[in-house]
Amino acid sequence: MTFDFDLIVIGAGAGGLTCAITAKGFGKSVLLIEKDKTGGECTWSGCVPSKALINISKDIHSAKKYCDFKPDTLEIMRDVRSVIQDVYSYETPEVLEKMGINFLKGEAEFTENKTVKVGENTFNGKSIIIATGSSPLIPQIPGLNTVEYLTNESLFKLEDLPDSMIILGGGAIGVEMAQALTRIGVEIHLVEMLNNILFREEQEFAHILREKLADEGVNIHINTKAVEVKKDGDKIILSVEKNGEKIELSAGSILVAVGRKPNTESLKLESAGIEYNKKGIEVDKHLQTNIHNIYAVGDVASPYQFSHMANYQGIIAVQNALTPLKKSVDYSHVAWTTFTQPELASAGLTEEEAREKHDNIHVYFLEKDELDRAKTKKDDIFKIKIICDNKKRILGAQILADRAGELICEIQAIKANSLSLDKLSAVIHPYPTYAEAFSKLGKKAYVDKLMDNPIVNLMKSIKH
């Protein structure tokens, strides 16, 4: 049997849900297809459970400053799953059906450019959006397939936490989980092949965070290559090469967090003539594939694998697919956060990237000793770096602080609207707050801008 829709959305994660809800808002008939559960990776194995676990670990870390105790990890994992269920309750198939969105559980595959097949039924869509997300990338390490390794997809399904864990990968997932699990009482070995964790971030900030994790008890191994995995009784043994020496790390479990791969295997993209590569589906600035009525959003097609990016792309893709108004994606104002404590938030270019693209840049710093709010909290870490062009417009920013993910939003608002940093000098910020830092940074930029003024320079020369 064949059914017709204005739009078919394949994948009900962050991007797919946004697409379906947006299209329904346009008054279009929508079919949303998902092979697993609605909510996708973010709800079930990413943003939601990881932040729940991180918040619990913060409470434990704070409490342990004043008393010693052994956390109930069974209760912790139950609490994490309860948060998942709470978020999921707002995006269940029943909720979507009440919105007027047709939901179908199953695995979709293309039969041609306007038709997908699920089971024995086929569905025609005037437009189709692929939002199938990504999955953990599993490295080809000898012996890894002989042990029961964890990924973010299985970690939060654990009834209880192990006493020890090896984490492969010093990216955001690996670093967040290393700190959170260490605080809960799991002995962690974090293994990273490069010379620092969080290689995409400003390395001076990543270095500070690495020292913080090490101080809390995370065993961090940088410049370390995993070469073999084996089982020895109830322990997993990871052989690594570090500084030219081969050593063995032992733990009760191993978590693989070395990257992501796009979910394209089961779609039979060739049947629709859709072009793709190992990084995902190829799309243009309108998120359109080489097939005019087919679009792709989120991890399966994006250079940035963030839920907020999938949401952003989803709205644009629906507008482009269903209306004559074509809008392009703009990746010049991307921001993201690593949710450690302190958080590390970034927007735009690093200093190195800015120097490669611009002849004249200005770099502004503000640290703990310049901010009273940061001084009120013992052992607080606070550091901001703002990179501007010669007109003091923001090119990039990095914030290492509590609630840095919220703080970066003020910079995003200024940056996305092409306002100069000095404009913040006149904005009243409550005292004492972390956000007051932006007023101080704005004043630094204002002074520089004033000193660059030709009239001021002329008066200075006359005076001398």
Protein backbone atom coordinates (compact mmCIF):
# COMPACT_ATOMS: atom_id res chain seq x y z
CA MET A 1 0.00 0.00 0.00
CA THR A 2 1.24 3.51 -0.83
CA PHE A 3 0.60 6.73 1.10
CA ASP A 4 1.28 10.32 0.04
CA PHE A 5 2.63 13.20 2.18
CA ASP A 6 3.89 16.73 1.64
CA LEU A 7 6.98 15.87 3.68
CA ILE A 8 8.62 12.68 4.87
CA VAL A 9 11.18 13.01 7.66
CA ILE A 10 13.50 10.07 8.30
CA GLY A 11 14.82 10.12 11.87
CA ALA A 12 13.13 11.46 15.00
CA GLY A 13 16.09 12.90 16.89
CA ALA A 14 16.66 16.59 17.53
CA GLY A 15 16.78 17.50 13.84
CA GLY A 16 13.93 15.26 12.73
CA LEU A 17 11.57 16.40 15.47
CA THR A 18 12.26 20.02 14.60
CA CYS A 19 11.58 19.31 10.93
CA ALA A 20 8.31 17.51 11.58
CA ILE A 21 6.96 20.10 14.05
CA THR A 22 8.01 23.01 11.82
CA ALA A 23 6.41 21.45 8.74
CA LYS A 24 3.19 20.84 10.65
CA GLY A 25 3.27 24.51 11.60
CA PHE A 26 3.20 25.29 7.88
CA GLY A 27 0.02 23.24 7.65
CA LYS A 28 1.62 20.40 5.70
CA SER A 29 1.00 16.67 5.94
CA VAL A 30 4.00 15.03 7.60
CA LEU A 31 5.22 11.47 8.06
CA LEU A 32 7.96 11.00 10.66
CA ILE A 33 9.79 7.65 10.51
CA GLU A 34 12.06 6.38 13.29
CA LYS A 35 13.56 2.91 13.68
CA ASP A 36 14.15 3.23 17.44
CA LYS A 37 12.62 5.69 19.92
CA THR A 38 11.67 9.29 19.31
CA GLY A 39 14.08 11.77 20.83
CA GLY A 40 17.11 10.16 19.29
CA GLU A 41 20.65 10.19 20.61
CA CYS A 42 20.25 13.46 22.52
CA THR A 43 17.41 12.17 24.70
CA TRP A 44 18.53 8.60 25.20
CA SER A 45 22.33 8.55 25.13
CA GLY A 46 23.68 12.07 24.72
CA CYS A 47 22.80 15.52 26.04
CA VAL A 48 20.07 14.53 28.51
CA PRO A 49 21.54 11.56 30.40
CA SER A 50 25.09 12.92 30.35
CA LYS A 51 24.02 16.23 31.86
CA ALA A 52 21.89 14.41 34.44
CA LEU A 53 24.92 12.35 35.47
CA ILE A 54 27.14 15.44 35.49
CA ASN A 55 24.72 17.32 37.77
CA ILE A 56 24.58 14.39 40.18
CA SER A 57 28.38 14.21 40.21
CA LYS A 58 28.58 17.93 41.05
CA ASP A 59 26.37 17.38 44.10
CA ILE A 60 28.55 14.49 45.23
CA HIS A 61 31.75 16.47 44.65
CA SER A 62 30.43 19.38 46.72
CA ALA A 63 29.27 17.13 49.53
CA LYS A 64 32.60 15.29 49.67
CA LYS A 65 34.37 18.56 50.52
CA TYR A 66 32.79 18.31 53.96
CA CYS A 67 32.22 14.58 54.55
CA ASP A 68 33.28 11.26 53.11
CA PHE A 69 30.76 8.70 51.86
CA LYS A 70 30.23 6.08 49.15
CA PRO A 71 27.57 7.10 46.62
CA ASP A 72 24.76 4.67 45.79
CA THR A 73 25.45 4.16 42.09
CA LEU A 74 22.34 2.03 41.63
CA GLU A 75 20.25 5.00 42.76
CA ILE A 76 22.30 7.37 40.62
CA MET A 77 21.63 5.41 37.44
CA ARG A 78 17.93 5.17 38.34
CA ASP A 79 17.85 8.95 38.69
CA VAL A 80 19.54 9.39 35.31
CA ARG A 81 16.97 7.18 33.62
CA SER A 82 14.12 9.04 35.32
CA VAL A 83 15.39 12.28 33.75
CA ILE A 84 15.45 10.57 30.36
CA GLN A 85 11.84 9.46 30.79
CA ASP A 86 10.77 12.94 31.85
CA VAL A 87 12.23 14.51 28.70
CA TYR A 88 10.91 11.68 26.53
CA SER A 89 7.37 12.20 27.85
CA TYR A 90 7.18 15.43 25.81
CA GLU A 91 8.23 13.79 22.53
CA THR A 92 6.52 10.38 22.52
CA PRO A 93 4.71 9.10 19.42
CA GLU A 94 1.42 9.82 21.20
CA VAL A 95 2.39 13.46 21.76
CA LEU A 96 3.44 13.81 18.13
CA GLU A 97 0.22 12.23 16.88
CA LYS A 98 -1.76 14.78 18.92
CA MET A 99 0.12 17.49 17.05
CA GLY A 100 -1.11 15.99 13.80
CA ILE A 101 2.20 14.39 12.86
CA ASN A 102 1.94 10.88 11.43
CA PHE A 103 4.51 8.69 13.20
CA LEU A 104 5.75 5.32 11.99
CA LYS A 105 8.26 3.11 13.75
CA GLY A 106 10.44 1.22 11.34
CA GLU A 107 13.53 1.32 9.15
CA ALA A 108 13.17 3.44 6.04
CA GLU A 109 14.94 2.81 2.76
CA PHE A 110 14.74 4.69 -0.52
CA THR A 111 13.27 3.04 -3.58
CA GLU A 112 13.57 6.22 -5.67
CA ASN A 113 13.84 9.95 -5.08
CA LYS A 114 10.25 10.51 -3.89
CA THR A 115 9.51 7.13 -2.37
CA VAL A 116 10.65 5.31 0.76
CA LYS A 117 9.77 1.84 1.90
CA VAL A 118 9.10 0.75 5.49
CA GLY A 119 8.33 -2.93 5.82
CA GLU A 120 5.77 -3.84 3.18
CA ASN A 121 4.46 -0.29 2.74
CA THR A 122 5.72 2.50 0.53
CA PHE A 123 5.35 6.22 1.13
CA ASN A 124 5.57 9.07 -1.36
CA GLY A 125 6.83 12.47 -0.26
CA LYS A 126 6.85 15.64 -2.34
CA SER A 127 9.90 16.46 -0.22
CA ILE A 128 12.04 14.26 2.02
CA ILE A 129 14.41 15.27 4.81
CA ILE A 130 17.01 12.84 6.11
CA ALA A 131 17.82 13.32 9.81
CA THR A 132 19.19 9.93 10.82
CA GLY A 133 21.98 11.28 13.03
CA SER A 134 25.22 9.52 13.89
CA SER A 135 26.55 6.56 15.87
CA PRO A 136 29.71 5.95 17.89
CA LEU A 137 32.78 5.33 15.74
CA ILE A 138 34.47 2.10 16.79
CA PRO A 139 38.23 2.08 16.12
CA GLN A 140 39.97 -0.94 14.65
CA ILE A 141 41.95 -1.88 17.76
CA PRO A 142 42.95 -5.55 17.89
CA GLY A 143 40.88 -7.42 20.45
CA LEU A 144 38.33 -4.66 21.03
CA ASN A 145 35.58 -6.76 19.46
CA THR A 146 36.32 -9.58 21.91
CA VAL A 147 35.28 -7.59 24.99
CA GLU A 148 32.00 -5.97 26.03
CA TYR A 149 32.95 -2.37 25.43
CA LEU A 150 30.67 0.55 26.25
CA THR A 151 29.67 3.53 24.12
CA ASN A 152 27.46 6.46 25.02
CA GLU A 153 24.58 4.34 23.67
CA SER A 154 25.07 1.65 26.31
CA LEU A 155 26.65 3.57 29.21
CA PHE A 156 23.39 5.02 30.51
CA LYS A 157 21.64 1.66 30.31
CA LEU A 158 23.89 0.26 33.05
CA GLU A 159 22.03 -0.70 36.20
CA ASP A 160 25.13 0.02 38.25
CA LEU A 161 28.52 1.63 37.64
CA PRO A 162 31.78 -0.32 37.59
CA ASP A 163 34.59 0.36 40.06
CA SER A 164 36.98 1.33 37.26
CA MET A 165 36.84 2.32 33.61
CA ILE A 166 39.16 3.08 30.70
CA ILE A 167 37.85 5.85 28.47
CA LEU A 168 39.18 5.97 24.92
CA GLY A 169 39.06 9.52 23.56
CA GLY A 170 39.72 12.94 25.05
CA GLY A 171 36.95 14.77 23.24
CA ALA A 172 33.88 16.29 24.87
CA ILE A 173 32.15 12.98 25.70
CA GLY A 174 35.29 11.38 27.10
CA VAL A 175 36.28 14.39 29.19
CA GLU A 176 32.78 15.02 30.57
CA MET A 177 32.33 11.40 31.58
CA ALA A 178 35.87 11.14 32.99
CA GLN A 179 35.24 13.95 35.47
CA ALA A 180 31.68 12.93 36.34
CA LEU A 181 32.49 9.26 36.93
CA THR A 182 35.63 10.07 38.92
CA ARG A 183 33.58 12.30 41.22
CA ILE A 184 31.10 9.47 41.74
CA GLY A 185 33.92 7.11 42.72
CA VAL A 186 34.88 5.27 39.52
CA GLU A 187 38.62 5.01 38.92
CA ILE A 188 39.21 6.45 35.44
CA HIS A 189 42.00 6.13 32.89
CA LEU A 190 41.43 8.66 30.09
CA VAL A 191 43.43 7.77 26.96
CA GLU A 192 44.05 10.34 24.21
CA MET A 193 46.32 9.79 21.21
CA LEU A 194 47.01 13.53 20.68
CA ASN A 195 49.12 15.79 22.89
CA ASN A 196 46.15 17.29 24.73
CA ILE A 197 42.47 16.75 25.46
CA LEU A 198 39.80 18.71 23.55
CA PHE A 199 42.03 19.33 20.53
CA ARG A 200 39.46 21.59 18.82
CA GLU A 201 39.54 24.11 21.68
CA GLU A 202 42.01 26.85 22.57
CA GLN A 203 44.81 24.72 23.97
CA GLU A 204 45.65 27.06 26.85
CA PHE A 205 42.08 26.54 28.09
CA ALA A 206 42.18 22.79 27.47
CA HIS A 207 45.43 22.60 29.44
CA ILE A 208 43.87 24.31 32.47
CA LEU A 209 40.92 21.93 32.33
CA ARG A 210 43.23 18.93 31.98
CA GLU A 211 45.09 19.96 35.14
CA LYS A 212 41.75 20.37 36.95
CA LEU A 213 40.67 16.83 36.02
CA ALA A 214 44.04 15.42 37.04
CA ASP A 215 43.78 17.18 40.43
CA GLU A 216 40.42 15.51 40.95
CA GLY A 217 41.92 12.08 40.33
CA VAL A 218 41.44 11.38 36.63
CA ASN A 219 44.41 9.39 35.28
CA ILE A 220 45.06 11.18 32.00
CA HIS A 221 47.26 9.60 29.34
CA ILE A 222 48.03 11.95 26.43
CA ASN A 223 50.29 11.10 23.47
CA THR A 224 49.06 7.57 24.11
CA LYS A 225 48.04 5.12 21.40
CA ALA A 226 45.80 2.15 22.11
CA VAL A 227 47.26 -0.94 20.44
CA GLU A 228 45.44 -3.97 21.85
CA VAL A 229 42.53 -4.97 24.10
CA LYS A 230 42.15 -8.28 25.92
CA LYS A 231 40.21 -9.80 28.79
CA ASP A 232 41.89 -11.12 31.93
CA GLY A 233 39.31 -12.60 34.27
CA ASP A 234 36.89 -9.83 35.18
CA LYS A 235 39.31 -7.12 34.02
CA ILE A 236 39.85 -5.50 30.63
CA ILE A 237 43.50 -4.90 29.75
CA LEU A 238 44.38 -2.12 27.32
CA SER A 239 47.90 -2.18 25.90
CA VAL A 240 49.11 1.29 24.92
CA GLU A 241 52.21 2.93 23.52
CA LYS A 242 53.25 6.01 25.46
CA ASN A 243 56.51 7.90 24.96
CA GLY A 244 57.93 4.97 23.03
CA GLU A 245 57.12 2.57 25.83
CA LYS A 246 54.47 -0.14 25.88
CA ILE A 247 52.40 -0.29 29.07
CA GLU A 248 49.16 -1.94 30.18
CA LEU A 249 46.11 -0.30 31.75
CA SER A 250 43.57 -2.39 33.64
CA ALA A 251 39.94 -1.63 34.48
CA GLY A 252 36.57 -3.29 34.93
CA SER A 253 35.15 -1.71 31.77
CA ILE A 254 36.09 0.31 28.72
CA LEU A 255 34.16 3.21 27.15
CA VAL A 256 34.80 4.05 23.49
CA ALA A 257 34.41 7.78 22.78
CA VAL A 258 36.71 8.51 19.83
CA GLY A 259 34.21 10.10 17.48
CA ARG A 260 31.01 9.65 15.48
CA LYS A 261 30.02 8.24 12.10
CA PRO A 262 26.94 9.24 10.04
CA ASN A 263 23.99 6.85 9.94
CA THR A 264 23.58 6.15 6.23
CA GLU A 265 24.04 2.39 5.88
CA SER A 266 20.41 1.22 5.85
CA LEU A 267 18.93 4.07 3.77
CA LYS A 268 19.91 2.68 0.35
CA LEU A 269 20.79 6.19 -0.78
CA GLU A 270 21.94 4.85 -4.14
CA SER A 271 18.35 3.99 -5.03
CA ALA A 272 17.52 7.70 -4.97
CA GLY A 273 20.82 8.77 -6.49
CA ILE A 274 21.87 10.69 -3.37
CA GLU A 275 25.57 11.57 -3.16
CA TYR A 276 27.40 10.92 0.11
CA ASN A 277 30.83 10.12 1.49
CA LYS A 278 32.35 8.79 4.70
CA LYS A 279 31.61 12.09 6.45
CA GLY A 280 27.92 11.93 5.58
CA ILE A 281 25.39 13.09 3.02
CA GLU A 282 26.58 15.91 0.77
CA VAL A 283 24.41 19.03 0.94
CA ASP A 284 24.67 22.58 -0.37
CA LYS A 285 24.18 25.87 1.49
CA HIS A 286 20.41 25.27 1.43
CA LEU A 287 20.86 21.79 2.98
CA GLN A 288 19.70 20.33 -0.32
CA THR A 289 21.27 17.15 -1.65
CA ASN A 290 22.07 16.65 -5.32
CA ILE A 291 18.46 15.43 -5.64
CA HIS A 292 16.25 18.54 -5.75
CA ASN A 293 13.48 17.36 -3.40
CA ILE A 294 15.70 15.68 -0.79
CA TYR A 295 17.41 17.53 2.08
CA ALA A 296 19.53 16.40 5.02
CA VAL A 297 20.15 17.89 8.47
CA GLY A 298 21.97 17.13 11.70
CA ASP A 299 24.87 14.78 12.30
CA VAL A 300 24.26 12.86 9.08
CA ALA A 301 25.12 15.94 7.01
CA SER A 302 26.55 18.62 9.28
CA PRO A 303 30.12 19.77 9.90
CA TYR A 304 29.01 20.42 13.50
CA GLN A 305 27.51 17.53 15.45
CA PHE A 306 25.45 19.42 18.03
CA SER A 307 21.75 19.13 18.82
CA HIS A 308 21.34 22.89 18.63
CA MET A 309 22.86 22.82 15.15
CA ALA A 310 20.38 20.11 14.08
CA ASN A 311 17.52 22.30 15.35
CA TYR A 312 18.88 25.30 13.46
CA GLN A 313 19.28 23.31 10.26
CA GLY A 314 15.89 21.66 10.60
CA ILE A 315 13.99 24.95 10.46
CA ILE A 316 15.97 26.10 7.42
CA ALA A 317 15.59 22.80 5.58
CA VAL A 318 11.80 22.76 6.05
CA GLN A 319 11.48 26.33 4.81
CA ASN A 320 13.59 25.54 1.76
CA ALA A 321 11.77 22.28 1.04
CA LEU A 322 8.21 23.56 1.45
CA THR A 323 8.29 27.22 0.43
CA PRO A 324 9.73 29.26 -2.47
CA LEU A 325 11.78 31.28 0.04
CA LYS A 326 15.29 29.87 0.08
CA LYS A 327 17.55 30.46 3.06
CA SER A 328 21.22 29.56 3.40
CA VAL A 329 22.88 28.12 6.48
CA ASP A 330 25.40 30.38 8.17
CA TYR A 331 28.12 28.62 10.13
CA SER A 332 30.01 31.79 11.06
CA HIS A 333 28.25 32.04 14.44
CA VAL A 334 28.50 28.50 15.82
CA ALA A 335 28.91 28.06 19.58
CA TRP A 336 29.26 24.98 21.77
CA THR A 337 29.99 23.93 25.34
CA THR A 338 31.85 21.11 27.06
CA PHE A 339 29.94 20.52 30.30
CA THR A 340 32.75 19.84 32.70
CA GLN A 341 33.18 21.87 35.88
CA PRO A 342 34.21 24.50 35.04
CA GLU A 343 32.44 24.47 31.70
CA LEU A 344 34.39 25.34 28.57
CA ALA A 345 32.32 27.31 26.05
CA SER A 346 33.51 28.44 22.62
CA ALA A 347 32.16 30.58 19.82
CA GLY A 348 33.61 31.32 16.42
CA LEU A 349 37.34 31.26 15.71
CA THR A 350 40.28 30.37 17.91
CA GLU A 351 43.12 32.90 18.05
CA GLU A 352 45.18 30.79 15.65
CA GLU A 353 42.31 30.60 13.16
CA ALA A 354 41.67 34.34 13.47
CA ARG A 355 45.30 35.18 12.77
CA GLU A 356 45.20 33.02 9.64
CA LYS A 357 42.14 34.84 8.29
CA HIS A 358 42.69 38.43 9.47
CA ASP A 359 45.67 40.78 9.22
CA ASN A 360 44.94 42.71 12.39
CA ILE A 361 43.25 41.22 15.46
CA HIS A 362 42.89 42.27 19.08
CA VAL A 363 42.80 39.73 21.92
CA TYR A 364 41.23 40.56 25.27
CA PHE A 365 41.51 38.51 28.46
CA LEU A 366 39.74 38.64 31.79
CA GLU A 367 40.67 36.33 34.67
CA LYS A 368 39.59 35.54 38.20
CA ASP A 369 41.56 38.28 39.92
CA GLU A 370 39.60 40.91 37.93
CA LEU A 371 36.14 39.64 38.89
CA ASP A 372 34.74 39.82 42.41
CA ARG A 373 32.10 37.12 41.85
CA ALA A 374 34.79 34.58 40.94
CA LYS A 375 36.74 35.53 44.07
CA THR A 376 33.78 34.62 46.29
CA LYS A 377 34.01 30.92 45.44
CA LYS A 378 36.94 28.95 46.75
CA ASP A 379 39.02 27.22 44.05
CA ASP A 380 36.92 28.84 41.30
CA ILE A 381 38.43 28.83 37.81
CA PHE A 382 37.53 31.78 35.63
CA LYS A 383 39.11 32.83 32.33
CA ILE A 384 37.68 34.58 29.27
CA LYS A 385 39.35 35.26 25.95
CA ILE A 386 37.72 37.45 23.30
CA ILE A 387 39.21 37.79 19.81
CA CYS A 388 38.19 40.85 17.77
CA ASP A 389 38.95 42.36 14.39
CA ASN A 390 40.36 45.87 13.99
CA LYS A 391 36.87 47.34 14.51
CA LYS A 392 36.44 45.38 17.75
CA ARG A 393 33.83 43.07 16.22
CA ILE A 394 33.99 39.63 17.80
CA LEU A 395 35.65 36.87 15.77
CA GLY A 396 35.79 34.27 18.50
CA ALA A 397 35.49 33.69 22.22
CA GLN A 398 36.40 31.09 24.82
CA ILE A 399 35.09 30.99 28.37
CA LEU A 400 36.28 28.65 31.11
CA ALA A 401 33.97 29.15 34.06
CA ASP A 402 30.92 27.92 35.93
CA ARG A 403 27.89 28.35 33.65
CA ALA A 404 30.12 29.21 30.70
CA GLY A 405 27.45 27.74 28.41
CA GLU A 406 25.07 30.47 29.55
CA LEU A 407 27.71 33.20 29.51
CA ILE A 408 28.68 32.52 25.89
CA CYS A 409 25.13 33.41 24.82
CA GLU A 410 25.71 37.13 25.50
CA ILE A 411 28.77 36.99 23.25
CA GLN A 412 26.74 35.13 20.64
CA ALA A 413 24.10 37.86 20.62
CA ILE A 414 26.73 40.56 20.12
CA LYS A 415 28.69 38.56 17.56
CA ALA A 416 25.71 37.46 15.46
CA ASN A 417 24.48 41.04 15.20
CA SER A 418 27.91 42.35 14.16
CA LEU A 419 28.16 44.65 17.18
CA SER A 420 31.57 45.60 18.52
CA LEU A 421 32.77 44.43 21.91
CA ASP A 422 33.09 48.01 23.17
CA LYS A 423 29.27 48.35 23.05
CA LEU A 424 29.13 46.20 26.20
CA SER A 425 30.96 48.90 28.16
CA ALA A 426 27.71 50.88 28.41
CA VAL A 427 25.51 47.92 29.36
CA ILE A 428 24.70 47.75 33.08
CA HIS A 429 25.44 44.27 34.45
CA PRO A 430 24.33 43.32 37.98
CA TYR A 431 27.07 43.10 40.62
CA PRO A 432 28.48 40.68 41.59
CA THR A 433 27.88 38.35 38.65
CA TYR A 434 30.04 36.39 36.26
CA ALA A 435 28.40 38.29 33.39
CA GLU A 436 29.88 41.52 34.74
CA ALA A 437 33.05 40.30 33.02
CA PHE A 438 31.60 41.43 29.70
CA SER A 439 31.20 44.99 30.90
CA LYS A 440 34.84 44.95 31.96
CA LEU A 441 35.95 43.47 28.63
CA GLY A 442 33.81 46.03 26.82
CA LYS A 443 35.61 48.81 28.67
CA LYS A 444 38.99 47.40 27.63
CA ALA A 445 37.84 47.39 24.00
CA TYR A 446 36.36 50.89 24.38
CA VAL A 447 39.67 52.30 25.63
CA ASP A 448 41.50 50.69 22.72
CA LYS A 449 38.96 52.03 20.26
CA LEU A 450 39.27 55.48 21.77
CA MET A 451 43.04 55.37 21.51
CA ASP A 452 42.75 54.34 17.86
CA ASN A 453 40.66 57.44 17.10
CA PRO A 454 42.61 59.82 14.78
CA ILE A 455 41.44 62.89 16.70
CA VAL A 456 42.68 61.45 19.98
CA ASN A 457 46.01 60.60 18.39
CA LEU A 458 46.27 64.11 16.95
CA MET A 459 45.60 65.66 20.38
CA LYS A 460 48.20 63.37 21.91
CA SER A 461 50.80 64.44 19.33
CA ILE A 462 50.02 68.14 19.91
CA LYS A 463 50.33 67.68 23.66
CA HIS A 464 53.74 66.09 23.27
